[in-house]
Structure formats: C-alpha cells, structure tokens
C-alpha cells in the first residue's frame, strides 16, 4: 500500500457492545467515501465485526482500568484497504497460524477463522504493557 492513502478515517469508541453497530456505520461511510465495492465492504464488515465481537466478549482490562476504548483506523489506497483495531485490554493469547474452523456442531469459535478466510492479510500483535493491535488487509481487485 502506498505511504499516502487516498482516504483515511480514525475513530475511538468505548469497548462495549454498542461499538459493533457504530463501527459498522463508520466502515460503511468510509467505504462510500473511498469507492469500495460491495464485495470489499461485505468482506471487511464481516472480519471487523468478528474482531470487535471478540473484543467485547473476551477482552479483559489491564489492572484496575475499565475496559476502555478501542481505536479504529481505516485507510484505502489504490492497491489495498487497511483496517487497524487497537484496544487497551490484556494481551490476547492468539496464534493466528493455528486458527481453523471448528467442528460443524461447535457453538462458537468461528470468528477468527472467518476473518482469515475473507481477508488477504490478518495479524495480531500484543503490545508491551497491555493492549492488542489487530491489522486487517484487503487487497483491491482490479478488473
């Protein structure tokens, strides 16, 4: 992706269940402003929703801090769309290389596998002192 994206958006929101709807709205507005296709929006919406749902369900605050805020950064260039999600929770014990779709009768555990399936790049980095950075990349198709 070029160093200067064609469009970018940054928003912070409380890490609570309402952020899923707010983030979907932010992503839709960004997609419209950036000229994303319906397929690109659908793939990003699915992956971002799964990451945020995991934060709501599983993230635990560091120390005595409240759950805190989540920062969402979106950027689009001619070659790729990049979405970065950062929280201030305890570092998630996640190995994305070991993620796979659970058994058909499993009641949970599909979120990260779905995100991996629809994205062209997906990474998780724990931050020293607490916090997580999730990076979602979608390559733009030309044609």
N, C-alpha and C. Protein backbone atom coordinates (compact mmCIF):
# COMPACT_ATOMS: atom_id res chain seq x y z
N UNK A 1 0.84 -1.17 0.00
CA UNK A 1 0.00 0.00 0.00
C UNK A 1 0.89 1.23 0.00
N UNK A 2 0.58 2.24 -0.79
CA UNK A 2 1.41 3.43 -0.83
C UNK A 2 1.42 4.13 0.51
N UNK A 3 2.46 4.95 0.76
CA UNK A 3 2.58 5.63 2.04
C UNK A 3 1.47 6.65 2.25
N UNK A 4 0.92 7.20 1.20
CA UNK A 4 -0.16 8.17 1.31
C UNK A 4 -1.47 7.54 0.83
N UNK A 5 -2.35 7.15 1.75
CA UNK A 5 -3.62 6.56 1.33
C UNK A 5 -4.49 7.61 0.64
N UNK A 6 -5.37 7.15 -0.23
CA UNK A 6 -6.30 8.05 -0.89
C UNK A 6 -7.33 8.58 0.09
N UNK A 7 -7.73 7.78 1.05
CA UNK A 7 -8.65 8.23 2.08
C UNK A 7 -8.34 7.52 3.38
N UNK A 8 -8.64 8.21 4.47
CA UNK A 8 -8.35 7.65 5.79
C UNK A 8 -9.39 8.16 6.78
N UNK A 9 -9.61 7.38 7.81
CA UNK A 9 -10.54 7.74 8.88
C UNK A 9 -10.01 7.13 10.16
N UNK A 10 -10.20 7.85 11.25
CA UNK A 10 -9.77 7.38 12.57
C UNK A 10 -10.87 7.71 13.56
N UNK A 11 -11.23 6.74 14.38
CA UNK A 11 -12.30 6.96 15.36
C UNK A 11 -12.00 6.13 16.60
N UNK A 12 -12.31 6.70 17.75
CA UNK A 12 -12.19 5.98 19.02
C UNK A 12 -13.59 5.80 19.58
N UNK A 13 -13.83 4.65 20.20
CA UNK A 13 -15.14 4.37 20.75
C UNK A 13 -15.00 3.48 21.97
N UNK A 14 -15.97 3.56 22.89
CA UNK A 14 -15.92 2.68 24.06
C UNK A 14 -16.00 1.22 23.63
N UNK A 15 -15.25 0.39 24.33
CA UNK A 15 -15.23 -1.05 24.03
C UNK A 15 -16.42 -1.72 24.70
N UNK A 16 -17.58 -1.52 24.10
CA UNK A 16 -18.81 -2.13 24.62
C UNK A 16 -19.63 -2.66 23.45
N UNK A 17 -20.71 -3.37 23.71
CA UNK A 17 -21.47 -3.96 22.61
C UNK A 17 -21.96 -2.95 21.56
N UNK A 18 -22.22 -1.72 21.95
CA UNK A 18 -22.70 -0.70 21.01
C UNK A 18 -21.65 -0.37 19.95
N UNK A 19 -20.37 -0.68 20.23
CA UNK A 19 -19.34 -0.33 19.25
C UNK A 19 -19.48 -1.14 17.96
N UNK A 20 -20.09 -2.31 18.01
CA UNK A 20 -20.25 -3.10 16.79
C UNK A 20 -21.09 -2.36 15.77
N UNK A 21 -22.21 -1.80 16.21
CA UNK A 21 -23.07 -1.04 15.29
C UNK A 21 -22.40 0.25 14.86
N UNK A 22 -21.76 0.94 15.79
CA UNK A 22 -21.09 2.19 15.44
C UNK A 22 -19.96 1.93 14.43
N UNK A 23 -19.17 0.90 14.66
CA UNK A 23 -18.07 0.59 13.75
C UNK A 23 -18.59 0.21 12.37
N UNK A 24 -19.70 -0.52 12.31
CA UNK A 24 -20.29 -0.87 11.01
C UNK A 24 -20.71 0.39 10.26
N UNK A 25 -21.26 1.36 10.97
CA UNK A 25 -21.63 2.62 10.35
C UNK A 25 -20.43 3.41 9.87
N UNK A 26 -19.38 3.43 10.68
CA UNK A 26 -18.14 4.12 10.28
C UNK A 26 -17.54 3.46 9.05
N UNK A 27 -17.54 2.12 9.03
CA UNK A 27 -16.99 1.40 7.89
C UNK A 27 -17.81 1.67 6.63
N UNK A 28 -19.13 1.68 6.74
CA UNK A 28 -19.98 1.94 5.58
C UNK A 28 -19.74 3.35 5.03
N UNK A 29 -19.63 4.34 5.92
CA UNK A 29 -19.36 5.71 5.47
C UNK A 29 -17.99 5.80 4.81
N UNK A 30 -17.01 5.15 5.39
CA UNK A 30 -15.66 5.12 4.82
C UNK A 30 -15.68 4.44 3.45
N UNK A 31 -16.38 3.33 3.35
CA UNK A 31 -16.46 2.60 2.08
C UNK A 31 -17.06 3.46 0.99
N UNK A 32 -18.13 4.18 1.31
CA UNK A 32 -18.76 5.05 0.32
C UNK A 32 -17.81 6.17 -0.11
N UNK A 33 -17.12 6.77 0.85
CA UNK A 33 -16.20 7.86 0.53
C UNK A 33 -14.97 7.38 -0.22
N UNK A 34 -14.61 6.12 -0.04
CA UNK A 34 -13.39 5.57 -0.63
C UNK A 34 -13.62 4.80 -1.92
N UNK A 35 -14.88 4.63 -2.30
CA UNK A 35 -15.18 3.91 -3.53
C UNK A 35 -14.98 2.41 -3.43
N UNK A 36 -15.13 1.85 -2.22
CA UNK A 36 -15.03 0.40 -2.08
C UNK A 36 -16.21 -0.27 -2.77
N UNK A 37 -15.99 -1.45 -3.31
CA UNK A 37 -17.07 -2.21 -3.93
C UNK A 37 -17.93 -2.84 -2.84
N UNK A 38 -19.10 -3.32 -3.24
CA UNK A 38 -19.96 -4.02 -2.30
C UNK A 38 -19.30 -5.25 -1.71
N UNK A 39 -18.55 -5.97 -2.54
CA UNK A 39 -17.83 -7.16 -2.06
C UNK A 39 -16.75 -6.77 -1.05
N UNK A 40 -16.01 -5.71 -1.33
CA UNK A 40 -14.97 -5.26 -0.40
C UNK A 40 -15.59 -4.87 0.94
N UNK A 41 -16.68 -4.12 0.89
CA UNK A 41 -17.36 -3.71 2.13
C UNK A 41 -17.86 -4.94 2.89
N UNK A 42 -18.48 -5.88 2.20
CA UNK A 42 -19.02 -7.06 2.88
C UNK A 42 -17.92 -7.86 3.57
N UNK A 43 -16.80 -8.05 2.89
CA UNK A 43 -15.69 -8.82 3.47
C UNK A 43 -15.11 -8.10 4.69
N UNK A 44 -14.90 -6.79 4.56
CA UNK A 44 -14.35 -6.04 5.69
C UNK A 44 -15.34 -5.98 6.85
N UNK A 45 -16.61 -5.81 6.55
CA UNK A 45 -17.63 -5.74 7.59
C UNK A 45 -17.68 -7.05 8.38
N UNK A 46 -17.61 -8.17 7.69
CA UNK A 46 -17.61 -9.48 8.37
C UNK A 46 -16.39 -9.62 9.27
N UNK A 47 -15.21 -9.36 8.73
CA UNK A 47 -13.98 -9.54 9.50
C UNK A 47 -13.90 -8.57 10.67
N UNK A 48 -14.21 -7.30 10.43
CA UNK A 48 -14.16 -6.31 11.51
C UNK A 48 -15.17 -6.64 12.59
N UNK A 49 -16.37 -7.04 12.19
CA UNK A 49 -17.38 -7.41 13.17
C UNK A 49 -16.94 -8.56 14.06
N UNK A 50 -16.26 -9.54 13.47
CA UNK A 50 -15.78 -10.68 14.25
C UNK A 50 -14.69 -10.27 15.25
N UNK A 51 -13.77 -9.42 14.81
CA UNK A 51 -12.71 -8.95 15.71
C UNK A 51 -13.32 -8.15 16.86
N UNK A 52 -14.23 -7.23 16.55
CA UNK A 52 -14.84 -6.41 17.59
C UNK A 52 -15.70 -7.24 18.53
N UNK A 53 -16.42 -8.22 18.00
CA UNK A 53 -17.22 -9.10 18.86
C UNK A 53 -16.33 -9.87 19.83
N UNK A 54 -15.16 -10.30 19.36
CA UNK A 54 -14.21 -10.98 20.25
C UNK A 54 -13.70 -10.04 21.33
N UNK A 55 -13.46 -8.78 20.98
CA UNK A 55 -13.01 -7.81 21.99
C UNK A 55 -14.08 -7.65 23.05
N UNK A 56 -15.33 -7.49 22.64
CA UNK A 56 -16.42 -7.33 23.60
C UNK A 56 -16.56 -8.57 24.48
N UNK A 57 -16.47 -9.75 23.87
CA UNK A 57 -16.70 -11.00 24.61
C UNK A 57 -15.52 -11.43 25.47
N UNK A 58 -14.30 -11.18 25.01
CA UNK A 58 -13.15 -11.80 25.65
C UNK A 58 -12.11 -10.85 26.24
N UNK A 59 -12.08 -9.60 25.80
CA UNK A 59 -11.03 -8.69 26.28
C UNK A 59 -11.23 -8.39 27.76
N UNK A 60 -10.14 -8.41 28.47
CA UNK A 60 -10.16 -8.10 29.90
C UNK A 60 -9.26 -6.91 30.15
N UNK A 61 -9.75 -5.96 30.96
CA UNK A 61 -8.95 -4.77 31.24
C UNK A 61 -7.62 -5.13 31.91
N UNK A 62 -6.65 -4.26 31.73
CA UNK A 62 -5.35 -4.41 32.38
C UNK A 62 -5.44 -3.74 33.74
N UNK A 63 -5.07 -4.45 34.80
CA UNK A 63 -5.09 -3.88 36.15
C UNK A 63 -6.49 -3.47 36.57
N UNK A 64 -6.59 -2.28 37.17
CA UNK A 64 -7.88 -1.79 37.65
C UNK A 64 -8.60 -0.93 36.61
N UNK A 65 -8.01 -0.79 35.45
CA UNK A 65 -8.61 0.06 34.42
C UNK A 65 -9.94 -0.52 33.94
N UNK A 66 -10.82 0.37 33.53
CA UNK A 66 -12.06 -0.08 32.91
C UNK A 66 -11.72 -0.66 31.55
N UNK A 67 -12.70 -1.28 30.94
CA UNK A 67 -12.48 -1.90 29.63
C UNK A 67 -11.85 -0.91 28.67
N UNK A 68 -12.20 0.34 28.74
CA UNK A 68 -11.52 1.37 27.97
C UNK A 68 -12.05 1.57 26.57
N UNK A 69 -11.18 2.08 25.76
CA UNK A 69 -11.53 2.50 24.42
C UNK A 69 -10.90 1.57 23.38
N UNK A 70 -11.51 1.58 22.22
CA UNK A 70 -10.98 0.90 21.05
C UNK A 70 -10.77 1.98 19.99
N UNK A 71 -9.61 1.94 19.36
CA UNK A 71 -9.34 2.87 18.28
C UNK A 71 -9.39 2.12 16.96
N UNK A 72 -10.12 2.68 16.03
CA UNK A 72 -10.29 2.10 14.71
C UNK A 72 -9.68 3.05 13.69
N UNK A 73 -8.76 2.52 12.88
CA UNK A 73 -8.14 3.32 11.81
C UNK A 73 -8.40 2.61 10.48
N UNK A 74 -8.89 3.37 9.53
CA UNK A 74 -9.21 2.84 8.21
C UNK A 74 -8.46 3.65 7.17
N UNK A 75 -7.84 2.98 6.23
CA UNK A 75 -7.18 3.69 5.13
C UNK A 75 -7.34 2.87 3.85
N UNK A 76 -7.50 3.60 2.76
CA UNK A 76 -7.67 2.95 1.46
C UNK A 76 -6.77 3.62 0.44
N UNK A 77 -6.08 2.81 -0.30
CA UNK A 77 -5.28 3.27 -1.41
C UNK A 77 -5.69 2.50 -2.65
N UNK A 78 -5.01 2.69 -3.74
CA UNK A 78 -5.40 2.00 -4.97
C UNK A 78 -5.18 0.49 -4.92
N UNK A 79 -4.29 0.02 -4.06
CA UNK A 79 -3.94 -1.40 -4.03
C UNK A 79 -4.53 -2.18 -2.87
N UNK A 80 -4.84 -1.50 -1.76
CA UNK A 80 -5.29 -2.22 -0.57
C UNK A 80 -6.09 -1.31 0.35
N UNK A 81 -6.89 -1.96 1.17
CA UNK A 81 -7.60 -1.29 2.26
C UNK A 81 -7.03 -1.88 3.54
N UNK A 82 -6.72 -1.02 4.49
CA UNK A 82 -6.13 -1.45 5.75
C UNK A 82 -7.01 -0.97 6.89
N UNK A 83 -7.35 -1.87 7.79
CA UNK A 83 -8.13 -1.54 8.98
C UNK A 83 -7.30 -1.99 10.18
N UNK A 84 -7.07 -1.07 11.10
CA UNK A 84 -6.33 -1.39 12.32
C UNK A 84 -7.24 -1.14 13.51
N UNK A 85 -7.28 -2.10 14.41
CA UNK A 85 -8.08 -2.01 15.63
C UNK A 85 -7.11 -2.15 16.80
N UNK A 86 -7.13 -1.17 17.71
CA UNK A 86 -6.28 -1.26 18.90
C UNK A 86 -7.15 -1.14 20.14
N UNK A 87 -6.88 -2.01 21.11
CA UNK A 87 -7.57 -1.92 22.40
C UNK A 87 -6.53 -1.79 23.50
N UNK A 88 -7.02 -1.59 24.71
CA UNK A 88 -6.13 -1.43 25.87
C UNK A 88 -6.35 -2.56 26.87
N UNK A 89 -6.77 -3.69 26.36
CA UNK A 89 -7.05 -4.85 27.21
C UNK A 89 -5.78 -5.69 27.40
N UNK A 90 -5.89 -6.69 28.25
CA UNK A 90 -4.79 -7.63 28.42
C UNK A 90 -4.48 -8.27 27.07
N UNK A 91 -3.22 -8.57 26.84
CA UNK A 91 -2.81 -9.14 25.55
C UNK A 91 -3.53 -10.48 25.34
N UNK A 92 -4.15 -10.61 24.18
CA UNK A 92 -4.87 -11.84 23.84
C UNK A 92 -3.88 -12.94 23.49
N UNK A 93 -4.11 -14.12 24.01
CA UNK A 93 -3.27 -15.27 23.70
C UNK A 93 -3.79 -15.91 22.42
N UNK A 94 -3.37 -15.34 21.30
CA UNK A 94 -3.88 -15.77 20.00
C UNK A 94 -2.72 -16.12 19.09
N UNK A 95 -2.81 -17.27 18.45
CA UNK A 95 -1.86 -17.67 17.42
C UNK A 95 -2.66 -17.85 16.14
N UNK A 96 -2.67 -16.82 15.29
CA UNK A 96 -3.50 -16.88 14.08
C UNK A 96 -3.09 -18.01 13.15
N UNK A 97 -1.83 -18.45 13.22
CA UNK A 97 -1.41 -19.55 12.35
C UNK A 97 -2.04 -20.88 12.77
N UNK A 98 -2.57 -20.94 13.98
CA UNK A 98 -3.19 -22.17 14.47
C UNK A 98 -4.72 -22.13 14.40
N UNK A 99 -5.27 -21.02 13.93
CA UNK A 99 -6.72 -20.87 13.88
C UNK A 99 -7.30 -21.69 12.73
N UNK A 100 -8.36 -22.42 13.03
CA UNK A 100 -9.07 -23.18 12.00
C UNK A 100 -10.56 -23.17 12.33
N UNK A 101 -11.36 -23.54 11.36
CA UNK A 101 -12.80 -23.58 11.56
C UNK A 101 -13.12 -24.72 12.53
N UNK A 102 -13.95 -24.46 13.54
CA UNK A 102 -14.29 -25.52 14.49
C UNK A 102 -15.24 -26.54 13.87
N UNK A 103 -15.51 -27.58 14.62
CA UNK A 103 -16.43 -28.62 14.17
C UNK A 103 -17.79 -28.01 13.85
N UNK A 104 -18.50 -28.65 12.96
CA UNK A 104 -19.79 -28.14 12.49
C UNK A 104 -20.77 -27.91 13.63
N UNK A 105 -20.73 -28.74 14.67
CA UNK A 105 -21.67 -28.61 15.77
C UNK A 105 -21.17 -27.70 16.90
N UNK A 106 -20.00 -27.09 16.73
CA UNK A 106 -19.48 -26.17 17.75
C UNK A 106 -20.36 -24.92 17.82
N UNK A 107 -20.53 -24.41 19.03
CA UNK A 107 -21.39 -23.24 19.22
C UNK A 107 -20.64 -21.93 19.12
N UNK A 108 -19.32 -21.97 19.07
CA UNK A 108 -18.54 -20.74 18.97
C UNK A 108 -17.19 -21.08 18.34
N UNK A 109 -16.36 -20.05 18.18
CA UNK A 109 -15.01 -20.28 17.70
C UNK A 109 -14.80 -20.08 16.21
N UNK A 110 -15.79 -19.48 15.54
CA UNK A 110 -15.66 -19.29 14.10
C UNK A 110 -15.12 -17.92 13.70
N UNK A 111 -15.16 -16.96 14.61
CA UNK A 111 -14.87 -15.58 14.27
C UNK A 111 -13.54 -15.33 13.59
N UNK A 112 -12.46 -15.75 14.22
CA UNK A 112 -11.14 -15.50 13.64
C UNK A 112 -10.93 -16.32 12.37
N UNK A 113 -11.49 -17.53 12.33
CA UNK A 113 -11.37 -18.35 11.12
C UNK A 113 -12.10 -17.69 9.95
N UNK A 114 -13.26 -17.11 10.22
CA UNK A 114 -13.98 -16.39 9.16
C UNK A 114 -13.18 -15.18 8.68
N UNK A 115 -12.62 -14.43 9.63
CA UNK A 115 -11.81 -13.27 9.25
C UNK A 115 -10.63 -13.69 8.39
N UNK A 116 -9.95 -14.74 8.79
CA UNK A 116 -8.83 -15.25 7.98
C UNK A 116 -9.28 -15.64 6.58
N UNK A 117 -10.47 -16.20 6.47
CA UNK A 117 -10.96 -16.68 5.18
C UNK A 117 -11.29 -15.54 4.21
N UNK A 118 -11.74 -14.40 4.72
CA UNK A 118 -12.19 -13.33 3.82
C UNK A 118 -11.15 -12.25 3.59
N UNK A 119 -10.10 -12.24 4.38
CA UNK A 119 -9.07 -11.19 4.26
C UNK A 119 -7.86 -11.69 3.48
N UNK A 120 -7.10 -10.74 2.95
CA UNK A 120 -5.83 -11.07 2.29
C UNK A 120 -4.66 -10.99 3.26
N UNK A 121 -4.86 -10.34 4.38
CA UNK A 121 -3.85 -10.26 5.42
C UNK A 121 -4.53 -10.02 6.75
N UNK A 122 -4.09 -10.72 7.80
CA UNK A 122 -4.70 -10.59 9.12
C UNK A 122 -3.61 -10.85 10.14
N UNK A 123 -3.39 -9.90 11.04
CA UNK A 123 -2.32 -10.05 12.03
C UNK A 123 -2.79 -9.56 13.39
N UNK A 124 -2.21 -10.12 14.42
CA UNK A 124 -2.43 -9.69 15.80
C UNK A 124 -1.08 -9.46 16.45
N UNK A 125 -0.95 -8.33 17.13
CA UNK A 125 0.26 -8.02 17.88
C UNK A 125 -0.15 -7.57 19.27
N UNK A 126 0.42 -8.23 20.29
CA UNK A 126 0.24 -7.77 21.65
C UNK A 126 1.22 -6.65 21.93
N UNK A 127 0.79 -5.66 22.69
CA UNK A 127 1.65 -4.52 22.99
C UNK A 127 2.20 -4.63 24.41
N UNK A 128 3.44 -4.27 24.57
CA UNK A 128 4.07 -4.30 25.88
C UNK A 128 3.27 -3.43 26.83
N UNK A 129 2.98 -3.95 28.02
CA UNK A 129 2.19 -3.22 28.99
C UNK A 129 0.69 -3.41 28.82
N UNK A 130 0.30 -4.16 27.83
CA UNK A 130 -1.11 -4.45 27.60
C UNK A 130 -1.64 -3.79 26.35
N UNK A 131 -2.61 -4.39 25.78
CA UNK A 131 -3.22 -3.88 24.57
C UNK A 131 -2.94 -4.79 23.39
N UNK A 132 -3.80 -4.70 22.43
CA UNK A 132 -3.74 -5.54 21.24
C UNK A 132 -3.90 -4.69 20.00
N UNK A 133 -3.20 -5.06 18.97
CA UNK A 133 -3.36 -4.43 17.65
C UNK A 133 -3.74 -5.52 16.66
N UNK A 134 -4.89 -5.35 16.04
CA UNK A 134 -5.38 -6.25 15.01
C UNK A 134 -5.28 -5.51 13.68
N UNK A 135 -4.63 -6.10 12.70
CA UNK A 135 -4.47 -5.47 11.40
C UNK A 135 -5.16 -6.33 10.34
N UNK A 136 -6.10 -5.72 9.64
CA UNK A 136 -6.88 -6.40 8.61
C UNK A 136 -6.53 -5.77 7.26
N UNK A 137 -6.14 -6.58 6.29
CA UNK A 137 -5.79 -6.06 4.96
C UNK A 137 -6.62 -6.75 3.89
N UNK A 138 -7.15 -5.93 3.02
CA UNK A 138 -7.90 -6.43 1.89
C UNK A 138 -7.29 -5.85 0.63
N UNK A 139 -6.77 -6.72 -0.23
CA UNK A 139 -6.20 -6.26 -1.49
C UNK A 139 -7.33 -5.87 -2.43
N UNK A 140 -7.15 -4.75 -3.11
CA UNK A 140 -8.18 -4.28 -4.04
C UNK A 140 -8.01 -5.00 -5.36
N UNK A 141 -9.08 -5.52 -5.85
CA UNK A 141 -9.07 -6.25 -7.11
C UNK A 141 -9.23 -5.27 -8.26
N UNK A 142 -8.48 -5.49 -9.28
CA UNK A 142 -8.62 -4.64 -10.47
C UNK A 142 -9.27 -5.48 -11.55
N UNK A 143 -10.10 -4.84 -12.32
CA UNK A 143 -10.68 -5.64 -13.38
C UNK A 143 -11.81 -5.03 -13.97
